Structure formats: structure tokens, C-alpha cells
C-alpha atoms as a PDB file:
ATOM      1  CA  MET A   1       0.000   0.000   0.000  1.00  0.00           C
ATOM      2  CA  ASN A   2       1.318   3.416  -0.917  1.00  0.00           C
ATOM      3  CA  PRO A   3      -0.336   6.133   1.161  1.00  0.00           C
ATOM      4  CA  SER A   4      -0.860   9.387  -0.640  1.00  0.00           C
ATOM      5  CA  ARG A   5       1.153  12.466   0.290  1.00  0.00           C
ATOM      6  CA  ALA A   6      -2.076  14.304   1.103  1.00  0.00           C
ATOM      7  CA  ARG A   7      -3.159  11.597   3.552  1.00  0.00           C
ATOM      8  CA  ILE A   8       0.272  11.625   5.213  1.00  0.00           C
ATOM      9  CA  SER A   9       0.068  15.425   5.530  1.00  0.00           C
ATOM     10  CA  VAL A  10      -3.314  15.142   7.234  1.00  0.00           C
ATOM     11  CA  PHE A  11      -1.985  12.579   9.728  1.00  0.00           C
ATOM     12  CA  ARG A  12       1.080  14.736  10.414  1.00  0.00           C
ATOM     13  CA  THR A  13      -1.180  17.713  11.076  1.00  0.00           C
ATOM     14  CA  PHE A  14      -3.223  15.649  13.548  1.00  0.00           C
ATOM     15  CA  LEU A  15      -0.018  14.354  15.154  1.00  0.00           C
ATOM     16  CA  THR A  16       1.320  17.890  15.594  1.00  0.00           C
ATOM     17  CA  ALA A  17      -1.988  19.052  17.075  1.00  0.00           C
ATOM     18  CA  ALA A  18      -2.053  16.074  19.452  1.00  0.00           C
ATOM     19  CA  VAL A  19       1.541  16.640  20.612  1.00  0.00           C
ATOM     20  CA  LEU A  20       0.884  20.336  21.241  1.00  0.00           C
ATOM     21  CA  GLY A  21      -2.483  19.670  22.889  1.00  0.00           C
ATOM     22  CA  ILE A  22      -1.030  17.062  25.229  1.00  0.00           C
ATOM     23  CA  LEU A  23       1.859  19.372  26.121  1.00  0.00           C
ATOM     24  CA  PHE A  24      -0.618  22.158  26.901  1.00  0.00           C
ATOM     25  CA  LEU A  25      -2.789  19.908  29.067  1.00  0.00           C
ATOM     26  CA  ALA A  26       0.263  18.484  30.841  1.00  0.00           C
ATOM     27  CA  THR A  27       1.704  21.855  31.798  1.00  0.00           C
ATOM     28  CA  THR A  28      -1.330  23.923  32.768  1.00  0.00           C
ATOM     29  CA  PRO A  29      -2.919  23.859  36.225  1.00  0.00           C
ATOM     30  CA  LEU A  30      -5.713  21.320  36.524  1.00  0.00           C
ATOM     31  CA  ALA A  31      -9.127  22.949  36.073  1.00  0.00           C
ATOM     32  CA  CYS A  32     -10.727  20.105  37.982  1.00  0.00           C
ATOM     33  CA  PRO A  33      -8.829  17.608  40.106  1.00  0.00           C
ATOM     34  CA  ILE A  34      -8.377  14.140  38.684  1.00  0.00           C
ATOM     35  CA  VAL A  35     -10.937  11.848  40.269  1.00  0.00           C
ATOM     36  CA  SER A  36      -8.520   8.976  40.813  1.00  0.00           C
ATOM     37  CA  VAL A  37      -5.034   7.787  40.052  1.00  0.00           C
ATOM     38  CA  ILE A  38      -6.495   5.113  37.767  1.00  0.00           C
ATOM     39  CA  ASN A  39      -8.250   7.738  35.630  1.00  0.00           C
ATOM     40  CA  ASP A  40      -4.968   9.643  35.332  1.00  0.00           C
ATOM     41  CA  LYS A  41      -3.106   6.531  34.189  1.00  0.00           C
ATOM     42  CA  LEU A  42      -5.882   5.637  31.730  1.00  0.00           C
ATOM     43  CA  ASN A  43      -5.586   9.150  30.285  1.00  0.00           C
ATOM     44  CA  HIS A  44      -1.860   8.554  29.767  1.00  0.00           C
ATOM     45  CA  VAL A  45      -2.460   5.166  28.126  1.00  0.00           C
ATOM     46  CA  ALA A  46      -5.137   6.619  25.826  1.00  0.00           C
ATOM     47  CA  ALA A  47      -3.050   9.654  24.861  1.00  0.00           C
ATOM     48  CA  PHE A  48       0.029   7.633  23.979  1.00  0.00           C
ATOM     49  CA  PHE A  49      -2.055   4.956  22.227  1.00  0.00           C
ATOM     50  CA  MET A  50      -3.368   7.736  19.990  1.00  0.00           C
ATOM     51  CA  LEU A  51       0.122   9.209  19.513  1.00  0.00           C
ATOM     52  CA  ALA A  52       1.505   5.785  18.552  1.00  0.00           C
ATOM     53  CA  MET A  53      -1.219   5.327  15.950  1.00  0.00           C
ATOM     54  CA  LEU A  54      -0.820   8.844  14.540  1.00  0.00           C
ATOM     55  CA  THR A  55       2.968   8.474  14.430  1.00  0.00           C
ATOM     56  CA  ASP A  56       2.717   5.239  12.475  1.00  0.00           C
ATOM     57  CA  PHE A  57       0.274   6.738   9.978  1.00  0.00           C
ATOM     58  CA  SER A  58       2.346   9.938   9.728  1.00  0.00           C
ATOM     59  CA  PHE A  59       5.572   8.132   8.829  1.00  0.00           C
ATOM     60  CA  PRO A  60       4.495   4.994   6.930  1.00  0.00           C
ATOM     61  CA  GLU A  61       7.731   4.637   4.953  1.00  0.00           C
ATOM     62  CA  THR A  62      10.034   4.843   7.981  1.00  0.00           C
ATOM     63  CA  LYS A  63      12.193   1.749   8.313  1.00  0.00           C
ATOM     64  CA  ASN A  64      13.312   2.403  11.901  1.00  0.00           C
ATOM     65  CA  ARG A  65      10.071   2.048  13.860  1.00  0.00           C
ATOM     66  CA  LEU A  66      11.973   1.654  17.121  1.00  0.00           C
ATOM     67  CA  ALA A  67      13.381   5.183  16.776  1.00  0.00           C
ATOM     68  CA  LEU A  68       9.841   6.565  16.414  1.00  0.00           C
ATOM     69  CA  LEU A  69       8.646   4.648  19.465  1.00  0.00           C
ATOM     70  CA  LEU A  70      11.626   5.802  21.523  1.00  0.00           C
ATOM     71  CA  ALA A  71      10.939   9.385  20.424  1.00  0.00           C
ATOM     72  CA  LEU A  72       7.369   9.043  21.725  1.00  0.00           C
ATOM     73  CA  LEU A  73       8.555   7.637  25.030  1.00  0.00           C
ATOM     74  CA  SER A  74      11.166  10.410  25.272  1.00  0.00           C
ATOM     75  CA  TYR A  75       8.360  12.919  24.771  1.00  0.00           C
ATOM     76  CA  GLY A  76       6.536  11.374  27.732  1.00  0.00           C
ATOM     77  CA  VAL A  77       9.682  11.536  29.876  1.00  0.00           C
ATOM     78  CA  ALA A  78      10.268  15.163  28.815  1.00  0.00           C
ATOM     79  CA  ILE A  79       6.739  16.072  29.909  1.00  0.00           C
ATOM     80  CA  GLU A  80       7.362  14.494  33.309  1.00  0.00           C
ATOM     81  CA  ILE A  81      10.648  16.397  33.679  1.00  0.00           C
ATOM     82  CA  ILE A  82       8.874  19.657  32.835  1.00  0.00           C
ATOM     83  CA  GLN A  83       6.158  18.809  35.367  1.00  0.00           C
ATOM     84  CA  HIS A  84       8.809  18.300  38.054  1.00  0.00           C
ATOM     85  CA  PHE A  85       9.605  22.014  37.839  1.00  0.00           C
ATOM     86  CA  LEU A  86       5.978  23.188  37.874  1.00  0.00           C
ATOM     87  CA  PRO A  87       4.548  23.898  41.329  1.00  0.00           C
ATOM     88  CA  TRP A  88       1.109  22.543  40.370  1.00  0.00           C
ATOM     89  CA  ARG A  89       2.417  19.281  38.825  1.00  0.00           C
ATOM     90  CA  THR A  90       4.673  16.398  39.868  1.00  0.00           C
ATOM     91  CA  PHE A  91       7.047  13.959  38.187  1.00  0.00           C
ATOM     92  CA  SER A  92       5.740  10.386  38.112  1.00  0.00           C
ATOM     93  CA  LEU A  93       7.452   7.232  36.892  1.00  0.00           C
ATOM     94  CA  LEU A  94       4.019   5.594  36.860  1.00  0.00           C
ATOM     95  CA  ASP A  95       2.950   8.154  34.257  1.00  0.00           C
ATOM     96  CA  VAL A  96       5.959   7.175  32.118  1.00  0.00           C
ATOM     97  CA  ALA A  97       5.000   3.507  32.546  1.00  0.00           C
ATOM     98  CA  ALA A  98       1.426   4.315  31.477  1.00  0.00           C
ATOM     99  CA  ASP A  99       2.821   6.168  28.446  1.00  0.00           C
ATOM    100  CA  ALA A 100       4.894   3.098  27.533  1.00  0.00           C
ATOM    101  CA  LEU A 101       1.842   0.859  27.929  1.00  0.00           C
ATOM    102  CA  GLY A 102      -0.151   3.136  25.617  1.00  0.00           C
ATOM    103  CA  ILE A 103       2.620   2.980  23.005  1.00  0.00           C
ATOM    104  CA  ALA A 104       2.777  -0.824  23.282  1.00  0.00           C
ATOM    105  CA  CYS A 105      -1.012  -1.146  22.983  1.00  0.00           C
ATOM    106  CA  GLY A 106      -0.943   1.151  19.964  1.00  0.00           C
ATOM    107  CA  GLN A 107       1.672  -1.036  18.302  1.00  0.00           C
ATOM    108  CA  MET A 108      -0.329  -4.196  18.996  1.00  0.00           C
ATOM    109  CA  ALA A 109      -3.447  -2.581  17.548  1.00  0.00           C
ATOM    110  CA  LEU A 110      -1.487  -1.527  14.461  1.00  0.00           C
ATOM    111  CA  LEU A 111      -0.163  -5.054  13.945  1.00  0.00           C
ATOM    112  CA  PHE A 112      -3.716  -6.382  14.142  1.00  0.00           C
ATOM    113  CA  LEU A 113      -5.103  -3.704  11.800  1.00  0.00           C
ATOM    114  CA  LYS A 114      -2.335  -4.222   9.243  1.00  0.00           C
ATOM    115  CA  LYS A 115      -2.843  -7.992   9.293  1.00  0.00           C
ATOM    116  CA  GLU A 116      -6.585  -7.547   8.819  1.00  0.00           C
ATOM    117  CA  ALA A 117      -6.009  -5.086   5.966  1.00  0.00           C
ATOM    118  CA  ASP A 118      -3.601  -7.507   4.290  1.00  0.00           C
ATOM    119  CA  ASP A 119      -6.120 -10.345   4.671  1.00  0.00           C
ATOM    120  CA  VAL A 120      -8.878  -8.227   3.108  1.00  0.00           C
ATOM    121  CA  LEU A 121      -6.636  -7.177   0.214  1.00  0.00           C
ATOM    122  CA  THR A 122      -5.519 -10.770  -0.352  1.00  0.00           C
ATOM    123  CA  ARG A 123      -9.138 -11.983  -0.462  1.00  0.00           C
ATOM    124  CA  LYS A 124     -10.061  -9.344  -3.062  1.00  0.00           C
ATOM    125  CA  GLN A 125      -7.369 -10.508  -5.473  1.00  0.00           C
END
């Protein structure tokens, strides 16, 4: 499959918006306190699941997938480091672990989706 340049541009725009939006949410004071630690960790998993998917769709021709995944995890670590210096936020290794879980879940979902897409394309031929 050869994704069109226009489609890649759209995914890269969404990826950029997601990265900036997450950075904004991660560095501003909380408007309402998080109900529980579990909700906070689920937010991290969901955000990095989405980032993993968008990153894969934004760079479909990239051979070094590991570098992209490490860049995502580094982004999560960078956010936590920034939060360490903000009086209304704290650094949390559990947040980094939740980010890593979201990335891993995103990769598993992508493997499943790509296999399903290949199966559908093979059946059509």
C-alpha cells in the first residue's frame, strides 16, 4: 500500500496538534482535580495509544520504527521532567509507565489492523 502524500500530511497535522495539545494539558494547572489515580493513568495510556497510531500513519515509509517509538517515550519523559519544575504538577514514573503501555497497545493494535487489511486485500485478489 502506498499512502498518498495528502493523507500523510493530514496525519502529520493531527499528530502535531495532538503533541501540542497534550503538552498544553500536561503543563497547565488542573481545572478540575483528577478523580482517581487510575483515571490519570488511563488518560496517559489513551493519549500515547493515539500518539503511537498517529505516528505510524504519519511516517508509513520509515524503516526504523523503534526510533519513532523511543521518540514518543522520550516525549513522555520530557513532559514528566517539565512537570517536576511546575509547582502545580509532579514527576511520576508511573505516568511514564502508562505512556509506555499506551505505546505498546498502539503497536499491537497496528499489527492487528495491518494484518486484517492484508487479509482483506488478499481476499479481493
